[in-house]
């Protein structure tokens, strides 16, 4: 299949036929890494890193409803490095106390 470069602003663009886009599952806005070997070009898709926001995850949980929530599993008591023994965990101080201490240390 032959395609032709076309002038596009200050550069050139390559228009892909619909059949190529459908066969490869490409979408407008997909990004590619270009490898050059002599006069040959090789395009490799750049796989984006997915970033999730807590708000989106919680909204999806609400959308799916309680029937789709995973069951709770009791893994037993904390052991080893899981055990946190500090004033907050023992209930001797609360978050407000910690924030007040932090404010006093700030210049």
N, C-alpha and C. Protein backbone atom coordinates (compact mmCIF):
# COMPACT_ATOMS: atom_id res chain seq x y z
N UNK A 1 0.86 -1.17 0.00
CA UNK A 1 0.00 0.00 0.00
C UNK A 1 0.90 1.23 0.00
N UNK A 2 0.67 2.15 -0.88
CA UNK A 2 1.46 3.38 -0.97
C UNK A 2 0.69 4.54 -0.35
N UNK A 3 1.42 5.41 0.33
CA UNK A 3 0.86 6.64 0.87
C UNK A 3 1.81 7.78 0.48
N UNK A 4 1.32 9.01 0.59
CA UNK A 4 2.11 10.15 0.14
C UNK A 4 2.24 11.17 1.26
N UNK A 5 3.44 11.75 1.41
CA UNK A 5 3.65 12.84 2.36
C UNK A 5 2.98 14.09 1.84
N UNK A 6 2.37 14.86 2.73
CA UNK A 6 1.73 16.12 2.35
C UNK A 6 2.29 17.22 3.23
N UNK A 7 2.34 18.45 2.69
CA UNK A 7 2.80 19.59 3.47
C UNK A 7 1.76 19.87 4.55
N UNK A 8 2.27 20.11 5.75
CA UNK A 8 1.38 20.38 6.87
C UNK A 8 2.06 21.41 7.75
N UNK A 9 1.55 22.64 7.74
CA UNK A 9 2.17 23.78 8.42
C UNK A 9 3.63 23.91 7.99
N UNK A 10 4.58 23.84 8.96
CA UNK A 10 5.99 23.98 8.60
C UNK A 10 6.67 22.64 8.40
N UNK A 11 5.90 21.57 8.48
CA UNK A 11 6.47 20.24 8.32
C UNK A 11 5.70 19.46 7.27
N UNK A 12 5.76 18.14 7.39
CA UNK A 12 5.00 17.28 6.49
C UNK A 12 4.27 16.25 7.33
N UNK A 13 3.19 15.72 6.78
CA UNK A 13 2.40 14.73 7.48
C UNK A 13 2.13 13.54 6.60
N UNK A 14 1.88 12.43 7.23
CA UNK A 14 1.58 11.19 6.52
C UNK A 14 0.16 10.80 6.88
N UNK A 15 -0.70 10.74 5.91
CA UNK A 15 -2.10 10.39 6.15
C UNK A 15 -2.26 8.88 5.99
N UNK A 16 -2.79 8.24 7.03
CA UNK A 16 -2.95 6.79 6.99
C UNK A 16 -4.35 6.42 6.50
N UNK A 17 -4.44 5.45 5.63
CA UNK A 17 -5.76 5.01 5.16
C UNK A 17 -6.58 4.42 6.31
N UNK A 18 -7.88 4.52 6.19
CA UNK A 18 -8.80 4.03 7.22
C UNK A 18 -8.56 2.56 7.51
N UNK A 19 -8.30 1.76 6.48
CA UNK A 19 -8.09 0.32 6.68
C UNK A 19 -6.87 0.05 7.57
N UNK A 20 -5.82 0.87 7.43
CA UNK A 20 -4.62 0.70 8.25
C UNK A 20 -4.94 1.05 9.70
N UNK A 21 -5.67 2.15 9.90
CA UNK A 21 -6.03 2.59 11.25
C UNK A 21 -6.90 1.54 11.93
N UNK A 22 -7.87 1.00 11.21
CA UNK A 22 -8.76 0.00 11.80
C UNK A 22 -8.01 -1.30 12.09
N UNK A 23 -7.12 -1.71 11.20
CA UNK A 23 -6.39 -2.97 11.38
C UNK A 23 -5.43 -2.89 12.56
N UNK A 24 -4.90 -1.72 12.85
CA UNK A 24 -3.92 -1.57 13.93
C UNK A 24 -4.54 -1.07 15.23
N UNK A 25 -5.79 -0.61 15.19
CA UNK A 25 -6.45 -0.10 16.39
C UNK A 25 -5.94 1.27 16.82
N UNK A 26 -5.36 2.01 15.89
CA UNK A 26 -4.85 3.35 16.21
C UNK A 26 -5.99 4.32 16.42
N UNK A 27 -5.71 5.36 17.20
CA UNK A 27 -6.69 6.41 17.48
C UNK A 27 -6.05 7.76 17.25
N UNK A 28 -6.83 8.77 16.83
CA UNK A 28 -6.25 10.12 16.74
C UNK A 28 -5.69 10.53 18.10
N UNK A 29 -4.50 11.10 18.10
CA UNK A 29 -3.86 11.52 19.34
C UNK A 29 -2.87 10.50 19.88
N UNK A 30 -2.85 9.27 19.33
CA UNK A 30 -1.86 8.29 19.76
C UNK A 30 -0.46 8.85 19.49
N UNK A 31 0.48 8.52 20.37
CA UNK A 31 1.85 9.00 20.20
C UNK A 31 2.75 7.84 19.79
N UNK A 32 3.82 8.19 19.04
CA UNK A 32 4.73 7.19 18.53
C UNK A 32 6.17 7.61 18.72
N UNK A 33 7.03 6.63 18.84
CA UNK A 33 8.46 6.84 18.84
C UNK A 33 8.92 6.50 17.42
N UNK A 34 9.75 7.36 16.83
CA UNK A 34 10.23 7.13 15.47
C UNK A 34 11.66 6.60 15.54
N UNK A 35 11.89 5.46 14.90
CA UNK A 35 13.24 4.92 14.77
C UNK A 35 13.64 5.06 13.31
N UNK A 36 14.84 5.58 13.09
CA UNK A 36 15.34 5.80 11.73
C UNK A 36 16.47 4.83 11.46
N UNK A 37 16.35 4.07 10.38
CA UNK A 37 17.40 3.14 9.96
C UNK A 37 17.65 3.41 8.47
N UNK A 38 18.71 4.18 8.20
CA UNK A 38 18.97 4.58 6.81
C UNK A 38 17.84 5.47 6.33
N UNK A 39 17.18 5.06 5.25
CA UNK A 39 16.02 5.81 4.74
C UNK A 39 14.70 5.21 5.18
N UNK A 40 14.75 4.26 6.09
CA UNK A 40 13.53 3.62 6.58
C UNK A 40 13.12 4.21 7.92
N UNK A 41 11.83 4.36 8.10
CA UNK A 41 11.25 4.84 9.36
C UNK A 41 10.45 3.70 9.97
N UNK A 42 10.55 3.57 11.27
CA UNK A 42 9.73 2.59 11.98
C UNK A 42 9.01 3.33 13.10
N UNK A 43 7.69 3.22 13.11
CA UNK A 43 6.87 3.86 14.14
C UNK A 43 6.52 2.83 15.20
N UNK A 44 6.79 3.17 16.46
CA UNK A 44 6.41 2.29 17.58
C UNK A 44 5.51 3.07 18.51
N UNK A 45 4.34 2.52 18.84
CA UNK A 45 3.43 3.24 19.73
C UNK A 45 4.05 3.44 21.11
N UNK A 46 3.81 4.61 21.67
CA UNK A 46 4.23 4.91 23.04
C UNK A 46 3.04 4.57 23.92
N UNK A 47 3.24 3.64 24.84
CA UNK A 47 2.15 3.24 25.74
C UNK A 47 2.10 4.24 26.89
N UNK A 48 0.98 4.95 27.03
CA UNK A 48 0.91 5.95 28.10
C UNK A 48 0.84 5.28 29.47
N UNK A 49 1.38 5.97 30.46
CA UNK A 49 1.29 5.52 31.85
C UNK A 49 -0.06 5.97 32.37
N UNK A 50 -0.84 5.01 32.85
CA UNK A 50 -2.16 5.37 33.36
C UNK A 50 -2.03 5.97 34.75
N UNK A 51 -2.69 7.07 34.93
CA UNK A 51 -2.74 7.72 36.24
C UNK A 51 -4.21 7.76 36.66
N UNK A 52 -4.46 7.29 37.84
CA UNK A 52 -5.82 7.27 38.36
C UNK A 52 -5.96 8.30 39.47
N UNK A 53 -7.10 8.98 39.48
CA UNK A 53 -7.40 9.91 40.56
C UNK A 53 -8.36 9.22 41.51
N UNK A 54 -8.17 9.46 42.80
CA UNK A 54 -9.02 8.83 43.81
C UNK A 54 -10.50 9.15 43.55
N UNK A 55 -10.78 10.39 43.14
CA UNK A 55 -12.18 10.78 42.88
C UNK A 55 -12.79 9.91 41.79
N UNK A 56 -12.02 9.62 40.74
CA UNK A 56 -12.53 8.81 39.64
C UNK A 56 -12.78 7.37 40.09
N UNK A 57 -11.85 6.82 40.90
CA UNK A 57 -12.02 5.46 41.38
C UNK A 57 -13.24 5.34 42.29
N UNK A 58 -13.44 6.32 43.17
CA UNK A 58 -14.60 6.29 44.06
C UNK A 58 -15.89 6.45 43.28
N UNK A 59 -15.88 7.32 42.26
CA UNK A 59 -17.08 7.50 41.43
C UNK A 59 -17.42 6.21 40.70
N UNK A 60 -16.41 5.49 40.24
CA UNK A 60 -16.65 4.22 39.55
C UNK A 60 -17.22 3.18 40.53
N UNK A 61 -16.74 3.18 41.76
CA UNK A 61 -17.29 2.27 42.77
C UNK A 61 -18.77 2.58 43.00
N UNK A 62 -19.10 3.87 43.10
CA UNK A 62 -20.49 4.27 43.30
C UNK A 62 -21.35 3.85 42.11
N UNK A 63 -20.79 4.01 40.91
CA UNK A 63 -21.53 3.67 39.69
C UNK A 63 -21.82 2.17 39.64
N UNK A 64 -20.86 1.35 40.03
CA UNK A 64 -21.04 -0.10 39.97
C UNK A 64 -21.99 -0.61 41.05
N UNK A 65 -22.06 0.08 42.18
CA UNK A 65 -22.99 -0.30 43.24
C UNK A 65 -22.43 -1.35 44.18
N UNK A 66 -23.14 -1.58 45.28
CA UNK A 66 -22.65 -2.48 46.32
C UNK A 66 -22.57 -3.95 45.90
N UNK A 67 -23.33 -4.35 44.87
CA UNK A 67 -23.29 -5.75 44.43
C UNK A 67 -21.94 -6.12 43.84
N UNK A 68 -21.15 -5.14 43.41
CA UNK A 68 -19.86 -5.41 42.79
C UNK A 68 -18.67 -5.15 43.70
N UNK A 69 -18.92 -4.93 44.97
CA UNK A 69 -17.81 -4.70 45.90
C UNK A 69 -17.18 -6.04 46.26
N UNK A 70 -15.86 -6.09 46.36
CA UNK A 70 -15.23 -7.35 46.75
C UNK A 70 -15.54 -7.67 48.21
N UNK A 71 -15.51 -8.96 48.52
CA UNK A 71 -15.77 -9.33 49.91
C UNK A 71 -14.57 -8.98 50.77
N UNK A 72 -14.83 -8.69 52.03
CA UNK A 72 -13.76 -8.36 52.97
C UNK A 72 -13.08 -9.64 53.43
N UNK A 73 -11.77 -9.59 53.58
CA UNK A 73 -11.00 -10.75 54.00
C UNK A 73 -10.30 -10.41 55.30
N UNK A 74 -10.43 -11.28 56.29
CA UNK A 74 -9.74 -11.09 57.56
C UNK A 74 -8.39 -11.80 57.45
N UNK A 75 -7.32 -11.04 57.41
CA UNK A 75 -5.98 -11.60 57.27
C UNK A 75 -5.36 -11.91 58.62
N UNK A 76 -6.07 -11.70 59.70
CA UNK A 76 -5.55 -11.97 61.03
C UNK A 76 -4.86 -10.75 61.60
N UNK A 77 -4.25 -10.89 62.76
CA UNK A 77 -3.61 -9.74 63.41
C UNK A 77 -2.34 -9.31 62.67
N UNK A 78 -2.00 -8.02 62.85
CA UNK A 78 -0.77 -7.50 62.26
C UNK A 78 0.43 -8.15 62.91
N UNK A 79 1.46 -8.41 62.10
CA UNK A 79 2.69 -8.99 62.62
C UNK A 79 3.88 -8.30 61.98
N UNK A 80 5.02 -8.35 62.64
CA UNK A 80 6.26 -7.83 62.07
C UNK A 80 6.19 -6.36 61.74
N UNK A 81 6.60 -6.00 60.52
CA UNK A 81 6.69 -4.60 60.10
C UNK A 81 5.31 -3.95 59.97
N UNK A 82 4.24 -4.76 59.96
CA UNK A 82 2.89 -4.20 59.87
C UNK A 82 2.48 -3.49 61.16
N UNK A 83 3.10 -3.87 62.27
CA UNK A 83 2.73 -3.33 63.57
C UNK A 83 3.33 -1.93 63.71
N UNK A 84 2.45 -0.97 63.94
CA UNK A 84 2.88 0.40 64.17
C UNK A 84 2.54 0.74 65.61
N UNK A 85 3.56 1.03 66.37
CA UNK A 85 3.35 1.34 67.78
C UNK A 85 3.82 2.76 68.03
N UNK A 86 2.89 3.71 67.88
CA UNK A 86 3.20 5.10 68.15
C UNK A 86 2.02 5.73 68.89
N UNK A 87 2.19 6.98 69.29
CA UNK A 87 1.15 7.65 70.09
C UNK A 87 -0.17 7.75 69.33
N UNK A 88 -0.11 7.97 68.03
CA UNK A 88 -1.35 8.08 67.23
C UNK A 88 -2.08 6.73 67.19
N UNK A 89 -1.34 5.65 66.94
CA UNK A 89 -1.95 4.32 66.86
C UNK A 89 -2.53 3.88 68.20
N UNK A 90 -1.91 4.30 69.29
CA UNK A 90 -2.42 3.95 70.62
C UNK A 90 -3.58 4.84 71.04
N UNK A 91 -3.90 5.89 70.24
CA UNK A 91 -5.00 6.78 70.56
C UNK A 91 -4.65 7.87 71.55
N UNK A 92 -3.36 8.06 71.80
CA UNK A 92 -2.94 9.07 72.76
C UNK A 92 -2.98 10.48 72.17
N UNK A 93 -2.84 10.60 70.86
CA UNK A 93 -2.95 11.89 70.17
C UNK A 93 -3.82 11.70 68.94
N UNK A 94 -4.34 12.81 68.38
CA UNK A 94 -5.14 12.71 67.17
C UNK A 94 -4.50 13.56 66.06
N UNK A 95 -5.13 13.61 64.92
CA UNK A 95 -4.58 14.34 63.77
C UNK A 95 -4.40 15.82 64.06
N UNK A 96 -5.33 16.41 64.79
CA UNK A 96 -5.20 17.84 65.14
C UNK A 96 -3.93 18.10 65.94
N UNK A 97 -3.61 17.20 66.87
CA UNK A 97 -2.37 17.35 67.66
C UNK A 97 -1.14 17.31 66.76
N UNK A 98 -1.14 16.39 65.81
CA UNK A 98 -0.01 16.26 64.89
C UNK A 98 0.14 17.52 64.05
N UNK A 99 -0.99 18.04 63.55
CA UNK A 99 -0.94 19.25 62.71
C UNK A 99 -0.46 20.45 63.51
N UNK A 100 -0.90 20.56 64.77
CA UNK A 100 -0.44 21.67 65.61
C UNK A 100 1.07 21.59 65.83
N UNK A 101 1.59 20.39 66.06
CA UNK A 101 3.04 20.20 66.24
C UNK A 101 3.78 20.62 64.98
N UNK A 102 3.22 20.26 63.84
CA UNK A 102 3.84 20.59 62.54
C UNK A 102 3.86 22.11 62.33
N UNK A 103 2.77 22.79 62.72
CA UNK A 103 2.71 24.25 62.56
C UNK A 103 3.73 24.94 63.44
N UNK A 104 3.98 24.41 64.63
CA UNK A 104 4.97 25.02 65.52
C UNK A 104 6.39 24.88 64.98
N UNK A 105 6.65 23.83 64.25
CA UNK A 105 8.00 23.61 63.70
C UNK A 105 8.25 24.44 62.44
N UNK A 106 7.19 24.82 61.74
CA UNK A 106 7.36 25.59 60.50
C UNK A 106 7.86 26.99 60.81
N UNK A 107 8.83 27.50 60.01
CA UNK A 107 9.34 28.86 60.25
C UNK A 107 8.34 29.93 59.87
